[in-house]
Amino acid sequence: YLVKNSMSAEEIHVRLTSGNPDSMAAAFDYYRNRLRKTVQLRMDRRLSGRFDPSDVLQEAFLTASRDLPRYMVNPEAPVFVWLHGITIRSLQDLHREHLVAEKRAVGREATAFGQSYGPQSGNVLSELVADSVTSPSDFLLREERKQQVLQGLAEMEEIDREVLILRHFELLSNDETAMILGLTRT
């Protein structure tokens, strides 16, 4: 099912809440790139050999399809905010299954670079900032910048780090960020 690029978020919401049988696929297709970016930013790199962002999005789609009737009862949140929450929970479930469970503890496996980056560790964010320095001669500068970013992130409150991620890396609006975090405007 193809979605026309000219379709708006409002049209997606109307179609989804009207019970159109193709609406879930249309909604997910409409937001797929934004949801993929969310997964890429937050996925623990130790799991890259086990699954990729498409696997997470597939799980999120199945969950959203199953939960659609519940959403339709009270569709106050925008469709993207609802799908974002489901995608984050799907990713958390996969992290729990593969990183926490003793039977499949990825933490015991060696990674290609001898490091493991969790979504909460700040390493992903520090690498995104430090990647602006890419030449081999600037390696030490890159590592220093990375450590500075990690230190700055460690000094921030958790809610502030999450706002930073949502606003500047996932490119969510202020309203979307507030809804996801359960904040209200003052």
N, C-alpha and C. Protein backbone atom coordinates (compact mmCIF):
# COMPACT_ATOMS: atom_id res chain seq x y z
N TYR A 1 0.85 -1.18 0.00
CA TYR A 1 0.00 0.00 0.00
C TYR A 1 0.89 1.24 0.00
N LEU A 2 0.73 2.08 -0.97
CA LEU A 2 1.54 3.27 -1.09
C LEU A 2 0.82 4.48 -0.52
N VAL A 3 1.57 5.32 0.15
CA VAL A 3 1.01 6.54 0.73
C VAL A 3 1.48 7.71 -0.11
N LYS A 4 0.56 8.56 -0.47
CA LYS A 4 0.94 9.75 -1.22
C LYS A 4 1.67 10.70 -0.30
N ASN A 5 2.77 11.28 -0.78
CA ASN A 5 3.56 12.21 0.01
C ASN A 5 2.78 13.44 0.42
N SER A 6 1.72 13.75 -0.32
CA SER A 6 0.95 14.95 -0.03
C SER A 6 -0.01 14.75 1.14
N MET A 7 -0.13 13.54 1.65
CA MET A 7 -1.04 13.29 2.76
C MET A 7 -0.47 13.95 4.02
N SER A 8 -1.34 14.57 4.78
CA SER A 8 -0.90 15.27 5.98
C SER A 8 -1.08 14.39 7.22
N ALA A 9 -0.49 14.81 8.31
CA ALA A 9 -0.64 14.09 9.57
C ALA A 9 -2.10 14.06 10.00
N GLU A 10 -2.81 15.15 9.73
CA GLU A 10 -4.23 15.20 10.09
C GLU A 10 -5.03 14.16 9.29
N GLU A 11 -4.71 14.05 8.00
CA GLU A 11 -5.40 13.07 7.16
C GLU A 11 -5.10 11.64 7.63
N ILE A 12 -3.87 11.41 8.02
CA ILE A 12 -3.49 10.10 8.55
C ILE A 12 -4.32 9.81 9.80
N HIS A 13 -4.42 10.79 10.69
CA HIS A 13 -5.18 10.62 11.93
C HIS A 13 -6.66 10.32 11.63
N VAL A 14 -7.25 11.06 10.71
CA VAL A 14 -8.66 10.86 10.36
C VAL A 14 -8.86 9.46 9.78
N ARG A 15 -8.00 9.06 8.87
CA ARG A 15 -8.13 7.73 8.27
C ARG A 15 -7.99 6.63 9.32
N LEU A 16 -7.03 6.81 10.22
CA LEU A 16 -6.78 5.79 11.24
C LEU A 16 -7.97 5.65 12.18
N THR A 17 -8.51 6.77 12.61
CA THR A 17 -9.62 6.72 13.57
C THR A 17 -10.97 6.44 12.91
N SER A 18 -11.03 6.47 11.58
CA SER A 18 -12.29 6.16 10.89
C SER A 18 -12.48 4.67 10.67
N GLY A 19 -11.44 3.89 10.94
CA GLY A 19 -11.55 2.45 10.78
C GLY A 19 -11.21 1.95 9.39
N ASN A 20 -10.62 2.79 8.56
CA ASN A 20 -10.19 2.38 7.22
C ASN A 20 -9.24 1.19 7.37
N PRO A 21 -9.50 0.07 6.67
CA PRO A 21 -8.68 -1.14 6.85
C PRO A 21 -7.20 -0.95 6.49
N ASP A 22 -6.88 -0.04 5.60
CA ASP A 22 -5.49 0.19 5.20
C ASP A 22 -4.83 1.30 6.00
N SER A 23 -5.55 1.84 6.96
CA SER A 23 -5.05 3.03 7.64
C SER A 23 -3.81 2.78 8.49
N MET A 24 -3.70 1.62 9.12
CA MET A 24 -2.52 1.35 9.95
C MET A 24 -1.27 1.30 9.09
N ALA A 25 -1.34 0.63 7.96
CA ALA A 25 -0.19 0.57 7.06
C ALA A 25 0.17 1.96 6.55
N ALA A 26 -0.85 2.75 6.23
CA ALA A 26 -0.62 4.10 5.74
C ALA A 26 0.03 4.96 6.81
N ALA A 27 -0.46 4.87 8.04
CA ALA A 27 0.10 5.65 9.14
C ALA A 27 1.55 5.25 9.40
N PHE A 28 1.79 3.96 9.43
CA PHE A 28 3.15 3.50 9.71
C PHE A 28 4.11 3.90 8.59
N ASP A 29 3.65 3.78 7.36
CA ASP A 29 4.49 4.20 6.23
C ASP A 29 4.79 5.70 6.29
N TYR A 30 3.79 6.47 6.66
CA TYR A 30 3.95 7.92 6.75
C TYR A 30 5.04 8.32 7.75
N TYR A 31 5.11 7.59 8.87
CA TYR A 31 6.06 7.93 9.94
C TYR A 31 7.29 7.03 9.99
N ARG A 32 7.42 6.12 9.05
CA ARG A 32 8.50 5.12 9.10
C ARG A 32 9.90 5.73 9.24
N ASN A 33 10.22 6.75 8.47
CA ASN A 33 11.57 7.32 8.53
C ASN A 33 11.87 7.94 9.89
N ARG A 34 10.90 8.62 10.47
CA ARG A 34 11.09 9.21 11.79
C ARG A 34 11.25 8.13 12.85
N LEU A 35 10.45 7.07 12.75
CA LEU A 35 10.54 5.98 13.71
C LEU A 35 11.86 5.22 13.56
N ARG A 36 12.32 5.05 12.32
CA ARG A 36 13.60 4.39 12.09
C ARG A 36 14.73 5.20 12.73
N LYS A 37 14.69 6.50 12.61
CA LYS A 37 15.71 7.35 13.21
C LYS A 37 15.72 7.18 14.73
N THR A 38 14.53 7.09 15.31
CA THR A 38 14.42 6.87 16.75
C THR A 38 15.12 5.56 17.14
N VAL A 39 14.85 4.50 16.40
CA VAL A 39 15.45 3.20 16.70
C VAL A 39 16.96 3.25 16.49
N GLN A 40 17.41 3.84 15.42
CA GLN A 40 18.85 3.91 15.14
C GLN A 40 19.59 4.65 16.24
N LEU A 41 19.00 5.68 16.76
CA LEU A 41 19.63 6.46 17.81
C LEU A 41 19.68 5.71 19.13
N ARG A 42 18.67 4.94 19.42
CA ARG A 42 18.52 4.33 20.75
C ARG A 42 18.91 2.86 20.83
N MET A 43 19.13 2.20 19.72
CA MET A 43 19.43 0.77 19.75
C MET A 43 20.84 0.51 20.25
N ASP A 44 20.95 -0.39 21.19
CA ASP A 44 22.25 -0.78 21.74
C ASP A 44 23.06 -1.45 20.64
N ARG A 45 24.25 -0.97 20.42
CA ARG A 45 25.07 -1.47 19.31
C ARG A 45 25.49 -2.92 19.46
N ARG A 46 25.46 -3.44 20.67
CA ARG A 46 25.80 -4.85 20.87
C ARG A 46 24.80 -5.76 20.18
N LEU A 47 23.64 -5.22 19.85
CA LEU A 47 22.58 -6.03 19.25
C LEU A 47 22.54 -5.95 17.73
N SER A 48 23.43 -5.20 17.14
CA SER A 48 23.37 -4.99 15.69
C SER A 48 23.53 -6.29 14.89
N GLY A 49 24.19 -7.27 15.44
CA GLY A 49 24.33 -8.55 14.75
C GLY A 49 23.11 -9.44 14.90
N ARG A 50 22.26 -9.12 15.83
CA ARG A 50 21.08 -9.95 16.11
C ARG A 50 19.83 -9.43 15.42
N PHE A 51 19.68 -8.12 15.35
CA PHE A 51 18.54 -7.53 14.66
C PHE A 51 18.88 -6.13 14.24
N ASP A 52 18.07 -5.57 13.36
CA ASP A 52 18.31 -4.22 12.88
C ASP A 52 17.04 -3.38 13.08
N PRO A 53 17.11 -2.10 12.77
CA PRO A 53 15.94 -1.23 12.98
C PRO A 53 14.67 -1.74 12.29
N SER A 54 14.79 -2.39 11.16
CA SER A 54 13.60 -2.92 10.48
C SER A 54 12.89 -3.98 11.32
N ASP A 55 13.66 -4.78 12.06
CA ASP A 55 13.06 -5.78 12.93
C ASP A 55 12.26 -5.11 14.05
N VAL A 56 12.81 -4.04 14.60
CA VAL A 56 12.12 -3.30 15.66
C VAL A 56 10.85 -2.68 15.11
N LEU A 57 10.94 -2.08 13.93
CA LEU A 57 9.77 -1.46 13.32
C LEU A 57 8.69 -2.49 12.99
N GLN A 58 9.09 -3.67 12.58
CA GLN A 58 8.12 -4.73 12.30
C GLN A 58 7.38 -5.11 13.58
N GLU A 59 8.11 -5.27 14.68
CA GLU A 59 7.48 -5.57 15.97
C GLU A 59 6.54 -4.45 16.39
N ALA A 60 6.99 -3.21 16.21
CA ALA A 60 6.17 -2.06 16.57
C ALA A 60 4.89 -2.02 15.72
N PHE A 61 5.00 -2.32 14.44
CA PHE A 61 3.82 -2.34 13.57
C PHE A 61 2.82 -3.38 14.03
N LEU A 62 3.31 -4.57 14.36
CA LEU A 62 2.42 -5.64 14.82
C LEU A 62 1.73 -5.25 16.13
N THR A 63 2.48 -4.65 17.03
CA THR A 63 1.91 -4.21 18.30
C THR A 63 0.89 -3.11 18.07
N ALA A 64 1.21 -2.15 17.23
CA ALA A 64 0.29 -1.05 16.94
C ALA A 64 -0.99 -1.58 16.30
N SER A 65 -0.87 -2.52 15.40
CA SER A 65 -2.05 -3.10 14.75
C SER A 65 -2.94 -3.79 15.78
N ARG A 66 -2.31 -4.48 16.71
CA ARG A 66 -3.06 -5.16 17.77
C ARG A 66 -3.72 -4.16 18.73
N ASP A 67 -3.01 -3.04 19.01
CA ASP A 67 -3.48 -2.06 19.98
C ASP A 67 -4.36 -0.96 19.38
N LEU A 68 -4.56 -0.98 18.07
CA LEU A 68 -5.34 0.07 17.42
C LEU A 68 -6.73 0.26 18.02
N PRO A 69 -7.47 -0.81 18.31
CA PRO A 69 -8.81 -0.59 18.89
C PRO A 69 -8.74 0.20 20.22
N ARG A 70 -7.73 -0.06 21.02
CA ARG A 70 -7.58 0.67 22.28
C ARG A 70 -7.25 2.14 22.01
N TYR A 71 -6.41 2.41 21.02
CA TYR A 71 -6.09 3.79 20.66
C TYR A 71 -7.33 4.52 20.17
N MET A 72 -8.14 3.84 19.38
CA MET A 72 -9.32 4.47 18.78
C MET A 72 -10.36 4.87 19.83
N VAL A 73 -10.35 4.24 21.00
CA VAL A 73 -11.29 4.60 22.05
C VAL A 73 -11.02 6.02 22.55
N ASN A 74 -9.73 6.40 22.60
CA ASN A 74 -9.37 7.72 23.11
C ASN A 74 -8.15 8.23 22.34
N PRO A 75 -8.33 8.65 21.08
CA PRO A 75 -7.19 9.05 20.24
C PRO A 75 -6.74 10.50 20.45
N GLU A 76 -6.50 10.87 21.70
CA GLU A 76 -6.11 12.25 21.97
C GLU A 76 -4.68 12.54 21.52
N ALA A 77 -3.78 11.60 21.70
CA ALA A 77 -2.40 11.81 21.29
C ALA A 77 -2.30 11.73 19.77
N PRO A 78 -1.45 12.55 19.18
CA PRO A 78 -1.23 12.42 17.73
C PRO A 78 -0.73 11.01 17.39
N VAL A 79 -1.01 10.59 16.19
CA VAL A 79 -0.64 9.24 15.76
C VAL A 79 0.86 9.03 15.92
N PHE A 80 1.68 10.02 15.56
CA PHE A 80 3.12 9.83 15.69
C PHE A 80 3.53 9.59 17.14
N VAL A 81 2.98 10.33 18.06
CA VAL A 81 3.34 10.17 19.48
C VAL A 81 2.95 8.77 19.94
N TRP A 82 1.79 8.28 19.52
CA TRP A 82 1.36 6.94 19.87
C TRP A 82 2.31 5.89 19.28
N LEU A 83 2.64 6.02 18.00
CA LEU A 83 3.55 5.07 17.35
C LEU A 83 4.96 5.15 17.92
N HIS A 84 5.40 6.35 18.28
CA HIS A 84 6.72 6.52 18.89
C HIS A 84 6.79 5.74 20.20
N GLY A 85 5.76 5.85 21.02
CA GLY A 85 5.73 5.11 22.28
C GLY A 85 5.77 3.61 22.08
N ILE A 86 5.02 3.12 21.12
CA ILE A 86 5.01 1.69 20.82
C ILE A 86 6.38 1.25 20.31
N THR A 87 7.00 2.07 19.47
CA THR A 87 8.32 1.73 18.93
C THR A 87 9.36 1.67 20.05
N ILE A 88 9.32 2.64 20.96
CA ILE A 88 10.27 2.65 22.09
C ILE A 88 10.05 1.40 22.95
N ARG A 89 8.80 1.05 23.24
CA ARG A 89 8.54 -0.14 24.05
C ARG A 89 9.00 -1.41 23.33
N SER A 90 8.82 -1.47 22.02
CA SER A 90 9.29 -2.64 21.26
C SER A 90 10.81 -2.76 21.35
N LEU A 91 11.50 -1.63 21.24
CA LEU A 91 12.95 -1.64 21.35
C LEU A 91 13.38 -2.04 22.77
N GLN A 92 12.70 -1.51 23.78
CA GLN A 92 13.01 -1.87 25.16
C GLN A 92 12.80 -3.37 25.39
N ASP A 93 11.74 -3.92 24.83
CA ASP A 93 11.48 -5.36 24.98
C ASP A 93 12.61 -6.18 24.36
N LEU A 94 13.07 -5.77 23.18
CA LEU A 94 14.18 -6.50 22.54
C LEU A 94 15.46 -6.34 23.34
N HIS A 95 15.72 -5.15 23.88
CA HIS A 95 16.88 -4.95 24.74
C HIS A 95 16.80 -5.88 25.95
N ARG A 96 15.64 -5.91 26.58
CA ARG A 96 15.46 -6.76 27.76
C ARG A 96 15.69 -8.23 27.40
N GLU A 97 15.09 -8.65 26.31
CA GLU A 97 15.19 -10.04 25.89
C GLU A 97 16.62 -10.45 25.58
N HIS A 98 17.36 -9.58 24.93
CA HIS A 98 18.70 -9.95 24.47
C HIS A 98 19.84 -9.51 25.38
N LEU A 99 19.62 -8.49 26.18
CA LEU A 99 20.71 -8.00 27.03
C LEU A 99 20.57 -8.43 28.48
N VAL A 100 19.36 -8.62 28.95
CA VAL A 100 19.14 -8.93 30.35
C VAL A 100 19.00 -10.42 30.59
N ALA A 101 18.33 -11.11 29.69
CA ALA A 101 18.08 -12.53 29.88
C ALA A 101 19.39 -13.31 29.92
N GLU A 102 19.54 -14.11 30.94
CA GLU A 102 20.76 -14.91 31.11
C GLU A 102 21.02 -15.84 29.93
N LYS A 103 19.95 -16.41 29.39
CA LYS A 103 20.12 -17.40 28.33
C LYS A 103 20.70 -16.81 27.05
N ARG A 104 20.56 -15.48 26.86
CA ARG A 104 21.02 -14.87 25.62
C ARG A 104 21.81 -13.61 25.89
N ALA A 105 22.52 -13.57 26.98
CA ALA A 105 23.19 -12.34 27.41
C ALA A 105 24.24 -11.90 26.39
N VAL A 106 23.90 -10.87 25.65
CA VAL A 106 24.81 -10.32 24.66
C VAL A 106 25.99 -9.65 25.34
N GLY A 107 25.82 -9.19 26.55
CA GLY A 107 26.88 -8.51 27.28
C GLY A 107 28.12 -9.37 27.43
N ARG A 108 27.97 -10.67 27.32
CA ARG A 108 29.12 -11.58 27.41
C ARG A 108 29.85 -11.72 26.09
N GLU A 109 29.21 -11.33 25.02
CA GLU A 109 29.82 -11.45 23.70
C GLU A 109 30.77 -10.29 23.46
N ALA A 110 31.85 -10.56 22.76
CA ALA A 110 32.79 -9.50 22.42
C ALA A 110 32.25 -8.72 21.24
N THR A 111 32.43 -7.42 21.27
CA THR A 111 32.01 -6.60 20.14
C THR A 111 33.19 -6.35 19.23
N ALA A 112 32.92 -5.92 18.04
CA ALA A 112 33.96 -5.72 17.04
C ALA A 112 34.99 -4.69 17.49
N PHE A 113 34.57 -3.70 18.25
CA PHE A 113 35.49 -2.64 18.65
C PHE A 113 35.82 -2.70 20.13
N GLY A 114 35.40 -3.78 20.80
CA GLY A 114 35.72 -3.92 22.21
C GLY A 114 34.93 -2.98 23.10
N GLN A 115 33.87 -2.38 22.58
CA GLN A 115 33.05 -1.47 23.36
C GLN A 115 31.60 -1.87 23.21
N SER A 116 30.82 -1.46 24.17
CA SER A 116 29.37 -1.66 24.03
C SER A 116 28.70 -0.35 24.37
N TYR A 117 27.77 0.03 23.53
CA TYR A 117 27.09 1.30 23.70
C TYR A 117 25.62 1.05 23.96
N GLY A 118 25.17 1.39 25.14
CA GLY A 118 23.76 1.28 25.46
C GLY A 118 23.06 2.57 25.12
N PRO A 119 21.76 2.49 24.93
CA PRO A 119 21.03 3.71 24.56
C PRO A 119 21.06 4.76 25.66
N GLN A 120 21.25 4.36 26.91
CA GLN A 120 21.30 5.33 28.00
C GLN A 120 22.72 5.79 28.30
N SER A 121 23.72 5.21 27.67
CA SER A 121 25.10 5.49 28.04
C SER A 121 25.58 6.86 27.60
N GLY A 122 24.97 7.44 26.60
CA GLY A 122 25.42 8.73 26.10
C GLY A 122 26.48 8.60 25.03
N ASN A 123 27.00 7.41 24.82
CA ASN A 123 28.04 7.22 23.82
C ASN A 123 27.52 7.51 22.42
N VAL A 124 26.30 7.16 22.14
CA VAL A 124 25.74 7.42 20.81
C VAL A 124 25.71 8.92 20.56
N LEU A 125 25.23 9.68 21.56
CA LEU A 125 25.17 11.13 21.41
C LEU A 125 26.56 11.73 21.28
N SER A 126 27.49 11.26 22.10
CA SER A 126 28.83 11.83 22.04
C SER A 126 29.49 11.52 20.70
N GLU A 127 29.22 10.35 20.14
CA GLU A 127 29.78 10.03 18.83
C GLU A 127 29.17 10.89 17.74
N LEU A 128 27.87 11.16 17.83
CA LEU A 128 27.24 12.02 16.83
C LEU A 128 27.88 13.40 16.83
N VAL A 129 28.17 13.93 18.00
CA VAL A 129 28.81 15.24 18.10
C VAL A 129 30.26 15.14 17.65
N ALA A 130 30.97 14.13 18.12
CA ALA A 130 32.39 13.99 17.81
C ALA A 130 32.63 13.63 16.35
N ASP A 131 31.67 13.03 15.69
CA ASP A 131 31.85 12.64 14.28
C ASP A 131 32.06 13.82 13.35
N SER A 132 31.83 15.01 13.84
CA SER A 132 32.09 16.17 12.99
C SER A 132 33.59 16.32 12.73
N VAL A 133 34.42 15.63 13.51
CA VAL A 133 35.87 15.60 13.30
C VAL A 133 36.18 14.21 12.78
N THR A 134 36.51 14.08 11.49
CA THR A 134 36.61 12.76 10.90
C THR A 134 37.98 12.37 10.39
N SER A 135 38.88 13.29 10.21
CA SER A 135 40.17 12.91 9.62
C SER A 135 41.00 12.15 10.65
N PRO A 136 41.84 11.22 10.18
CA PRO A 136 42.67 10.44 11.10
C PRO A 136 43.58 11.31 11.98
N SER A 137 44.06 12.40 11.44
CA SER A 137 44.95 13.26 12.23
C SER A 137 44.21 13.94 13.38
N ASP A 138 42.90 13.98 13.31
CA ASP A 138 42.11 14.61 14.37
C ASP A 138 41.53 13.61 15.36
N PHE A 139 42.05 12.39 15.37
CA PHE A 139 41.52 11.34 16.24
C PHE A 139 41.54 11.75 17.71
N LEU A 140 42.64 12.30 18.18
CA LEU A 140 42.72 12.69 19.60
C LEU A 140 41.73 13.79 19.92
N LEU A 141 41.58 14.74 19.03
CA LEU A 141 40.60 15.79 19.22
C LEU A 141 39.20 15.21 19.29
N ARG A 142 38.92 14.25 18.44
CA ARG A 142 37.62 13.59 18.43
C ARG A 142 37.36 12.89 19.76
N GLU A 143 38.34 12.16 20.24
CA GLU A 143 38.17 11.45 21.51
C GLU A 143 38.01 12.42 22.68
N GLU A 144 38.74 13.52 22.65
CA GLU A 144 38.60 14.53 23.69
C GLU A 144 37.21 15.16 23.66
N ARG A 145 36.74 15.46 22.47
CA ARG A 145 35.40 16.04 22.32
C ARG A 145 34.35 15.05 22.81
N LYS A 146 34.53 13.78 22.48
CA LYS A 146 33.61 12.75 22.91
C LYS A 146 33.55 12.68 24.44
N GLN A 147 34.69 12.73 25.09
CA GLN A 147 34.73 12.70 26.55
C GLN A 147 34.07 13.93 27.16
N GLN A 148 34.25 15.08 26.54
CA GLN A 148 33.60 16.31 27.03
C GLN A 148 32.09 16.20 26.93
N VAL A 149 31.62 15.66 25.82
CA VAL A 149 30.17 15.50 25.64
C VAL A 149 29.64 14.50 26.67
N LEU A 150 30.35 13.38 26.87
CA LEU A 150 29.93 12.40 27.86
C LEU A 150 29.86 13.00 29.25
N GLN A 151 30.84 13.82 29.60
CA GLN A 151 30.85 14.46 30.90
C GLN A 151 29.66 15.42 31.04
N GLY A 152 29.43 16.20 30.00
CA GLY A 152 28.29 17.12 30.02
C GLY A 152 26.97 16.38 30.15
N LEU A 153 26.82 15.28 29.42
CA LEU A 153 25.60 14.49 29.51
C LEU A 153 25.42 13.87 30.89
N ALA A 154 26.52 13.42 31.47
CA ALA A 154 26.46 12.82 32.81
C ALA A 154 26.03 13.82 33.86
N GLU A 155 26.32 15.09 33.65
CA GLU A 155 25.96 16.13 34.61
C GLU A 155 24.52 16.61 34.44
N MET A 156 23.88 16.23 33.34
CA MET A 156 22.50 16.66 33.08
C MET A 156 21.51 15.75 33.82
N GLU A 157 20.36 16.31 34.12
CA GLU A 157 19.26 15.50 34.65
C GLU A 157 18.77 14.59 33.53
N GLU A 158 18.23 13.43 33.90
CA GLU A 158 17.76 12.46 32.91
C GLU A 158 16.70 13.07 31.98
N ILE A 159 15.79 13.84 32.53
CA ILE A 159 14.73 14.46 31.72
C ILE A 159 15.32 15.43 30.70
N ASP A 160 16.37 16.15 31.10
CA ASP A 160 17.01 17.09 30.19
C ASP A 160 17.72 16.36 29.04
N ARG A 161 18.34 15.22 29.37
CA ARG A 161 18.98 14.41 28.31
C ARG A 161 17.93 13.92 27.33
N GLU A 162 16.77 13.48 27.86
CA GLU A 162 15.72 12.97 27.00
C GLU A 162 15.16 14.08 26.11
N VAL A 163 14.98 15.27 26.65
CA VAL A 163 14.52 16.41 25.84
C VAL A 163 15.53 16.68 24.74
N LEU A 164 16.81 16.67 25.07
CA LEU A 164 17.87 16.89 24.08
C LEU A 164 17.78 15.86 22.96
N ILE A 165 17.61 14.60 23.31
CA ILE A 165 17.50 13.53 22.30
C ILE A 165 16.27 13.74 21.43
N LEU A 166 15.13 13.95 22.08
CA LEU A 166 13.88 14.07 21.32
C LEU A 166 13.86 15.29 20.42
N ARG A 167 14.32 16.41 20.92
CA ARG A 167 14.25 17.66 20.15
C ARG A 167 15.34 17.75 19.08
N HIS A 168 16.58 17.42 19.42
CA HIS A 168 17.68 17.73 18.52
C HIS A 168 18.21 16.55 17.72
N PHE A 169 17.90 15.34 18.14
CA PHE A 169 18.36 14.19 17.38
C PHE A 169 17.22 13.46 16.69
N GLU A 170 16.06 13.39 17.35
CA GLU A 170 14.88 12.81 16.70
C GLU A 170 14.04 13.88 16.00
N LEU A 171 14.37 15.13 16.23
CA LEU A 171 13.72 16.27 15.58
C LEU A 171 12.22 16.35 15.84
N LEU A 172 11.80 16.06 17.05
CA LEU A 172 10.41 16.19 17.43
C LEU A 172 10.10 17.64 17.77
N SER A 173 8.84 18.00 17.63
CA SER A 173 8.42 19.35 17.99
C SER A 173 8.35 19.47 19.52
N ASN A 174 8.20 20.69 20.00
CA ASN A 174 8.03 20.90 21.44
C ASN A 174 6.79 20.17 21.94
N ASP A 175 5.69 20.26 21.20
CA ASP A 175 4.45 19.61 21.62
C ASP A 175 4.60 18.09 21.65
N GLU A 176 5.22 17.51 20.63
CA GLU A 176 5.44 16.06 20.61
C GLU A 176 6.32 15.63 21.78
N THR A 177 7.39 16.38 22.02
CA THR A 177 8.30 16.08 23.12
C THR A 177 7.56 16.12 24.45
N ALA A 178 6.76 17.15 24.64
CA ALA A 178 6.00 17.29 25.89
C ALA A 178 5.03 16.13 26.07
N MET A 179 4.34 15.73 25.01
CA MET A 179 3.39 14.62 25.11
C MET A 179 4.09 13.32 25.46
N ILE A 180 5.21 13.06 24.80
CA ILE A 180 5.94 11.83 25.05
C ILE A 180 6.44 11.76 26.49
N LEU A 181 6.87 12.90 27.01
CA LEU A 181 7.41 12.93 28.37
C LEU A 181 6.35 13.21 29.42
N GLY A 182 5.11 13.41 28.99
CA GLY A 182 4.03 13.65 29.94
C GLY A 182 4.14 15.02 30.61
N LEU A 183 4.67 15.99 29.89
CA LEU A 183 4.84 17.34 30.44
C LEU A 183 3.73 18.24 29.92
N THR A 184 3.42 19.27 30.68
CA THR A 184 2.44 20.25 30.25
C THR A 184 3.12 21.61 30.15
N ARG A 185 2.57 22.43 29.30
CA ARG A 185 3.11 23.79 29.15
C ARG A 185 2.75 24.61 30.37
N THR A 186 3.69 25.45 30.80
CA THR A 186 3.41 26.33 31.94
C THR A 186 3.32 27.75 31.51
